[in-house]
Amino acid sequence: MSTPSESVQANGGLMSMLYRPPWVGLLAFIIVFVVQGLGHTVMIVMEDVWPGEHYIYESAFAMGLVGFALLFVGMRSEKEVSATWLGFWAGTLLWTGWIEFSFVWAGDFLAVPDLMDPNLPGEIATKAEYLVMMSSIGILGATLVYFLINPETKCNFFLWIQRNMGLKVGKPTKGHKRNFAAITALETIYVIWFFYLVLLFLYNEDIAGETSPAAYAFFFLNTIWAVYLFQRLMKFWKVTTAIRYGIPTAIIAWNTVELAGRWNLFTSFWERPQEFWLEMTLFTVAIIIAAILAVRTPAHKKAELSREQLAKVNV
């Protein structure tokens, strides 16, 4: 008797690969990981490359509006895969369009100066918008408390903390229907926000510094964490679970890339779209194609294949 995995392989075709590990998790990881770099590219293009810089905030508002529209559509969708991906793209666009550029606006409006690099005269160490973003740590911490002790959470990390620190506040509501678009959008925003702040405080010379022992320790531990999460992700069958697990996994892995780039261990080409426009265009097209393939992946092919095998056995 053939296994579900063997049955999938027999069907052939590219889409059949996406029905099983490790491809389900790998596709989700690659999309989210590459989008982190493209997010930097979009910010740089809007701030430094586009000739119509007077329309930066209008463009950012329009970007957030597209994110809002995607979230609205996703929250009404009955298809879990589509809703989950729409939530990811909504969260990404809302973060870049409305959240990041609100800090850009605040920095300009309050005339906050960029933090200059003391070791490289004339070079910016941290832009004004990111200095403003550091002030949001209180909001992040206060709202994170709710998500940390929320009995409805399905986050493995939060559940582990609740279980080991005695933070249970009740049982999940029976029959509670989860909205996957909303969950994924919020997860995307929160994870990006959290690690932005971690790195910003780590980079600050008055707190730690990018070449401090704390930075090297974070790099080491973060890389181990990313590898651990990645190997777990490679075992996932269900595409929606893989996406929601892949989002923090890819962002945590991206922290390692961020720090390595900060140490000039390689060229951060995604931050120089004027020079690497062809490469960035190819990356963007590839991600669009991958996203289309991901949306077409069944939500839980393993369960379907198992039912088919069981039906054959019972005949």
Protein backbone atom coordinates (compact mmCIF):
# COMPACT_ATOMS: atom_id res chain seq x y z
CA MET A 1 0.00 0.00 0.00
CA SER A 2 1.40 3.41 -0.98
CA THR A 3 1.79 6.21 1.54
CA PRO A 4 0.22 9.67 1.11
CA SER A 5 3.65 11.04 0.22
CA GLU A 6 4.11 8.40 -2.50
CA SER A 7 0.66 9.12 -3.89
CA VAL A 8 1.52 12.80 -4.16
CA GLN A 9 4.74 12.04 -5.98
CA ALA A 10 2.86 9.85 -8.42
CA ASN A 11 0.64 12.77 -9.41
CA GLY A 12 3.70 14.63 -10.76
CA GLY A 13 3.95 18.30 -11.53
CA LEU A 14 5.27 21.30 -9.66
CA MET A 15 2.15 21.77 -7.56
CA SER A 16 2.39 18.22 -6.21
CA MET A 17 5.71 19.16 -4.59
CA LEU A 18 3.97 21.84 -2.56
CA TYR A 19 1.64 19.26 -0.98
CA ARG A 20 4.31 17.79 1.27
CA PRO A 21 7.31 18.60 3.45
CA PRO A 22 9.78 20.17 3.14
CA TRP A 23 8.41 22.22 0.24
CA VAL A 24 5.33 23.56 2.06
CA GLY A 25 7.41 25.17 4.78
CA LEU A 26 10.31 26.09 2.52
CA LEU A 27 8.10 28.08 0.14
CA ALA A 28 6.55 30.02 3.03
CA PHE A 29 10.00 30.71 4.50
CA ILE A 30 11.50 31.93 1.22
CA ILE A 31 8.61 34.28 0.48
CA VAL A 32 8.62 35.88 3.93
CA PHE A 33 12.43 36.00 4.08
CA VAL A 34 12.86 37.71 0.70
CA VAL A 35 10.00 40.13 1.43
CA GLN A 36 11.99 41.44 4.42
CA GLY A 37 14.74 42.57 2.05
CA LEU A 38 12.23 43.93 -0.47
CA GLY A 39 10.65 45.97 2.33
CA HIS A 40 13.95 47.78 2.79
CA THR A 41 14.15 48.29 -0.97
CA VAL A 42 10.68 49.85 -1.10
CA MET A 43 11.53 52.26 1.73
CA ILE A 44 14.76 53.35 0.03
CA VAL A 45 13.10 53.74 -3.37
CA MET A 46 10.32 55.88 -1.91
CA GLU A 47 12.67 58.06 0.16
CA ASP A 48 15.77 58.36 -2.02
CA VAL A 49 15.12 57.21 -5.58
CA TRP A 50 11.71 58.40 -6.70
CA PRO A 51 11.94 61.91 -8.18
CA GLY A 52 8.56 62.92 -6.78
CA GLU A 53 9.65 62.93 -3.14
CA HIS A 54 6.84 65.34 -2.27
CA TYR A 55 4.42 62.45 -2.75
CA ILE A 56 6.14 60.07 -0.32
CA TYR A 57 3.44 60.27 2.32
CA GLU A 58 0.64 60.06 -0.23
CA SER A 59 2.27 56.94 -1.67
CA ALA A 60 2.71 55.48 1.80
CA PHE A 61 -0.94 56.15 2.61
CA ALA A 62 -2.00 54.44 -0.63
CA MET A 63 0.20 51.45 0.23
CA GLY A 64 -1.44 51.12 3.63
CA LEU A 65 -4.84 51.48 2.00
CA VAL A 66 -4.06 48.51 -0.25
CA GLY A 67 -3.08 46.59 2.89
CA PHE A 68 -6.39 47.51 4.48
CA ALA A 69 -8.26 46.32 1.37
CA LEU A 70 -6.39 43.00 1.38
CA LEU A 71 -7.15 42.53 5.06
CA PHE A 72 -10.84 43.26 4.46
CA VAL A 73 -11.00 40.72 1.64
CA GLY A 74 -9.04 38.17 3.63
CA MET A 75 -11.22 38.47 6.71
CA ARG A 76 -14.28 37.74 4.57
CA SER A 77 -12.68 34.76 2.82
CA GLU A 78 -13.75 31.24 3.73
CA LYS A 79 -10.59 29.76 2.21
CA GLU A 80 -7.93 29.35 4.88
CA VAL A 81 -4.94 29.42 2.52
CA SER A 82 -6.04 32.57 0.69
CA ALA A 83 -7.03 34.28 3.94
CA THR A 84 -3.66 33.49 5.53
CA TRP A 85 -1.63 34.83 2.60
CA LEU A 86 -3.86 37.89 2.29
CA GLY A 87 -3.25 38.51 5.98
CA PHE A 88 0.52 38.33 5.48
CA TRP A 89 0.54 40.76 2.57
CA ALA A 90 -1.90 43.04 4.39
CA GLY A 91 0.30 43.12 7.48
CA THR A 92 3.40 43.80 5.37
CA LEU A 93 1.80 46.69 3.49
CA LEU A 94 0.21 48.15 6.61
CA TRP A 95 3.55 48.02 8.42
CA THR A 96 5.51 49.67 5.61
CA GLY A 97 2.86 52.11 4.45
CA TRP A 98 1.17 53.31 7.63
CA ILE A 99 3.49 52.37 10.48
CA GLU A 100 7.04 52.85 9.18
CA PHE A 101 6.19 56.02 7.30
CA SER A 102 4.34 57.43 10.29
CA PHE A 103 7.72 57.34 12.05
CA VAL A 104 9.30 58.98 8.99
CA TRP A 105 6.68 61.75 9.18
CA ALA A 106 7.16 62.17 12.94
CA GLY A 107 10.93 62.43 12.52
CA ASP A 108 10.53 65.12 9.86
CA PHE A 109 7.78 66.99 11.71
CA LEU A 110 9.73 67.06 14.98
CA ALA A 111 13.00 67.80 13.17
CA VAL A 112 14.73 64.84 14.79
CA PRO A 113 18.31 64.67 13.49
CA ASP A 114 19.78 61.45 12.14
CA LEU A 115 22.24 59.72 14.43
CA MET A 116 25.65 60.01 12.79
CA ASP A 117 28.28 57.28 12.89
CA PRO A 118 31.10 58.42 15.23
CA ASN A 119 33.60 56.18 13.42
CA LEU A 120 32.67 57.21 9.87
CA PRO A 121 32.30 61.00 9.47
CA GLY A 122 29.33 61.94 7.32
CA GLU A 123 27.76 58.49 7.49
CA ILE A 124 24.35 57.95 9.10
CA ALA A 125 24.32 55.28 11.79
CA THR A 126 20.55 55.38 12.43
CA LYS A 127 17.95 57.42 10.57
CA ALA A 128 15.65 59.77 12.46
CA GLU A 129 12.54 57.64 11.89
CA TYR A 130 14.14 54.70 13.67
CA LEU A 131 15.12 56.88 16.61
CA VAL A 132 11.46 57.87 16.85
CA MET A 133 10.43 54.23 16.53
CA MET A 134 12.41 53.40 19.67
CA SER A 135 9.88 55.45 21.66
CA SER A 136 7.17 52.91 20.77
CA ILE A 137 8.65 50.26 23.06
CA GLY A 138 6.15 51.07 25.82
CA ILE A 139 3.20 50.56 23.48
CA LEU A 140 4.68 47.30 22.24
CA GLY A 141 5.23 46.02 25.77
CA ALA A 142 1.81 47.06 27.05
CA THR A 143 -0.12 45.49 24.18
CA LEU A 144 2.11 42.42 24.15
CA VAL A 145 0.94 41.63 27.68
CA TYR A 146 -2.56 41.01 26.33
CA PHE A 147 -1.36 38.63 23.62
CA LEU A 148 0.95 36.87 26.06
CA ILE A 149 -1.83 35.90 28.49
CA ASN A 150 -4.66 35.63 25.96
CA PRO A 151 -6.34 32.21 26.49
CA GLU A 152 -7.34 32.10 22.80
CA THR A 153 -3.75 32.18 21.57
CA LYS A 154 -2.41 29.31 19.50
CA CYS A 155 1.14 30.65 19.42
CA ASN A 156 3.53 27.91 20.56
CA PHE A 157 5.88 30.44 22.14
CA PHE A 158 3.13 32.15 24.15
CA LEU A 159 1.66 28.80 25.17
CA TRP A 160 5.07 27.67 26.38
CA ILE A 161 5.42 30.83 28.50
CA GLN A 162 1.89 30.45 29.89
CA ARG A 163 2.53 26.84 30.78
CA ASN A 164 5.95 27.32 32.39
CA MET A 165 5.35 30.64 34.15
CA GLY A 166 1.88 29.95 35.47
CA LEU A 167 0.20 32.63 33.35
CA LYS A 168 -2.92 30.70 32.42
CA VAL A 169 -6.00 32.92 32.75
CA GLY A 170 -8.65 30.45 31.63
CA LYS A 171 -9.51 27.95 28.94
CA PRO A 172 -10.07 28.85 25.27
CA THR A 173 -13.67 29.64 24.35
CA LYS A 174 -15.45 26.60 22.93
CA GLY A 175 -16.41 27.04 19.32
CA HIS A 176 -14.23 30.15 18.99
CA LYS A 177 -13.74 30.74 15.26
CA ARG A 178 -10.34 32.10 14.33
CA ASN A 179 -10.02 34.65 11.56
CA PHE A 180 -6.80 33.65 9.82
CA ALA A 181 -6.34 36.85 7.83
CA ALA A 182 -6.54 39.01 10.95
CA ILE A 183 -4.29 36.67 12.96
CA THR A 184 -1.63 36.55 10.24
CA ALA A 185 -1.69 40.32 9.64
CA LEU A 186 -1.28 41.05 13.33
CA GLU A 187 1.44 38.42 13.71
CA THR A 188 3.36 39.91 10.80
CA ILE A 189 3.19 43.44 12.19
CA TYR A 190 4.08 42.43 15.74
CA VAL A 191 7.03 40.20 14.92
CA ILE A 192 8.54 42.81 12.58
CA TRP A 193 7.96 45.57 15.16
CA PHE A 194 9.43 43.54 18.02
CA PHE A 195 12.68 42.69 16.25
CA TYR A 196 13.04 46.17 14.80
CA LEU A 197 13.16 47.46 18.37
CA VAL A 198 15.51 44.70 19.54
CA LEU A 199 18.02 45.60 16.83
CA LEU A 200 17.62 49.36 17.27
CA PHE A 201 18.40 49.15 20.98
CA LEU A 202 21.23 46.75 20.25
CA TYR A 203 22.76 49.11 17.66
CA ASN A 204 22.64 52.15 19.94
CA GLU A 205 26.13 52.88 21.28
CA ASP A 206 24.71 54.33 24.51
CA ILE A 207 22.95 51.03 25.24
CA ALA A 208 25.04 48.27 23.66
CA GLY A 209 26.53 48.93 20.23
CA GLU A 210 26.62 46.89 17.03
CA THR A 211 30.04 45.39 17.88
CA SER A 212 29.39 44.91 21.59
CA PRO A 213 29.46 41.51 23.33
CA ALA A 214 25.65 41.78 23.53
CA ALA A 215 25.42 42.07 19.72
CA TYR A 216 27.65 39.04 19.17
CA ALA A 217 25.73 37.05 21.77
CA PHE A 218 22.42 37.98 20.12
CA PHE A 219 23.81 37.00 16.70
CA PHE A 220 24.92 33.62 18.03
CA LEU A 221 21.70 32.81 19.91
CA ASN A 222 19.45 34.19 17.18
CA THR A 223 21.15 32.00 14.54
CA ILE A 224 20.68 28.89 16.68
CA TRP A 225 17.02 29.83 17.24
CA ALA A 226 16.46 30.41 13.51
CA VAL A 227 18.00 27.05 12.56
CA TYR A 228 15.91 25.25 15.21
CA LEU A 229 12.69 26.85 13.98
CA PHE A 230 13.61 26.21 10.35
CA GLN A 231 14.17 22.49 10.84
CA ARG A 232 10.78 22.26 12.58
CA LEU A 233 9.14 24.21 9.77
CA MET A 234 10.45 21.72 7.21
CA LYS A 235 8.24 19.01 8.76
CA PHE A 236 4.93 20.85 8.32
CA TRP A 237 2.23 19.44 6.03
CA LYS A 238 -0.47 22.07 6.45
CA VAL A 239 0.31 25.12 4.35
CA THR A 240 -1.52 27.65 6.55
CA THR A 241 0.27 26.43 9.66
CA ALA A 242 3.53 26.57 7.71
CA ILE A 243 2.87 30.18 6.71
CA ARG A 244 2.08 31.32 10.24
CA TYR A 245 5.10 29.44 11.58
CA GLY A 246 7.23 30.58 8.66
CA ILE A 247 6.63 34.29 9.32
CA PRO A 248 8.47 34.50 12.66
CA THR A 249 11.00 31.89 11.50
CA ALA A 250 11.97 33.95 8.44
CA ILE A 251 12.05 37.24 10.36
CA ILE A 252 14.21 35.72 13.09
CA ALA A 253 16.54 34.37 10.39
CA TRP A 254 16.58 37.82 8.80
CA ASN A 255 17.96 39.27 12.05
CA THR A 256 21.13 37.28 11.43
CA VAL A 257 21.36 38.76 7.92
CA GLU A 258 20.74 42.28 9.29
CA LEU A 259 23.55 42.02 11.82
CA ALA A 260 25.95 40.44 9.33
CA GLY A 261 25.19 43.26 6.89
CA ARG A 262 25.71 45.81 9.67
CA TRP A 263 29.18 44.31 10.16
CA ASN A 264 29.82 44.65 6.40
CA LEU A 265 30.33 40.93 5.94
CA PHE A 266 28.64 41.21 2.52
CA THR A 267 27.00 43.77 0.25
CA SER A 268 23.41 44.53 1.26
CA PHE A 269 22.29 44.83 -2.34
CA TRP A 270 18.61 45.21 -1.37
CA GLU A 271 19.58 48.57 0.16
CA ARG A 272 21.13 49.74 -3.14
CA PRO A 273 18.37 49.30 -5.72
CA GLN A 274 19.92 51.92 -8.03
CA GLU A 275 22.94 49.66 -8.53
CA PHE A 276 21.20 46.28 -8.38
CA TRP A 277 17.92 47.08 -10.13
CA LEU A 278 18.02 43.95 -12.32
CA GLU A 279 18.60 41.62 -9.37
CA MET A 280 15.86 43.28 -7.32
CA THR A 281 13.45 43.09 -10.26
CA LEU A 282 14.13 39.37 -10.66
CA PHE A 283 13.63 38.82 -6.92
CA THR A 284 10.33 40.69 -7.04
CA VAL A 285 9.01 38.72 -10.03
CA ALA A 286 10.11 35.44 -8.43
CA ILE A 287 8.28 36.27 -5.20
CA ILE A 288 5.10 37.15 -7.13
CA ILE A 289 5.20 33.78 -8.91
CA ALA A 290 5.94 31.95 -5.65
CA ALA A 291 3.06 33.75 -3.93
CA ILE A 292 0.64 32.69 -6.69
CA LEU A 293 1.78 29.08 -6.36
CA ALA A 294 1.47 29.25 -2.58
CA VAL A 295 -2.11 30.52 -2.73
CA ARG A 296 -3.04 27.57 -4.96
CA THR A 297 -1.63 25.03 -2.51
CA PRO A 298 -4.35 23.00 -0.72
CA ALA A 299 -4.79 23.82 2.96
CA HIS A 300 -4.19 20.31 4.23
CA LYS A 301 -3.37 17.85 1.46
CA LYS A 302 -2.08 15.23 3.91
CA ALA A 303 -5.53 14.84 5.48
CA GLU A 304 -7.12 14.52 2.04
CA LEU A 305 -4.62 11.91 0.93
CA SER A 306 -5.06 9.97 4.16
CA ARG A 307 -8.83 9.86 3.61
CA GLU A 308 -8.29 8.61 0.07
CA GLN A 309 -5.99 5.84 1.29
CA LEU A 310 -8.44 4.85 4.02
CA ALA A 311 -11.27 4.68 1.48
CA LYS A 312 -9.22 2.36 -0.73
CA VAL A 313 -8.47 0.08 2.20
CA ASN A 314 -12.15 -0.14 3.16
CA VAL A 315 -13.29 -0.98 -0.40
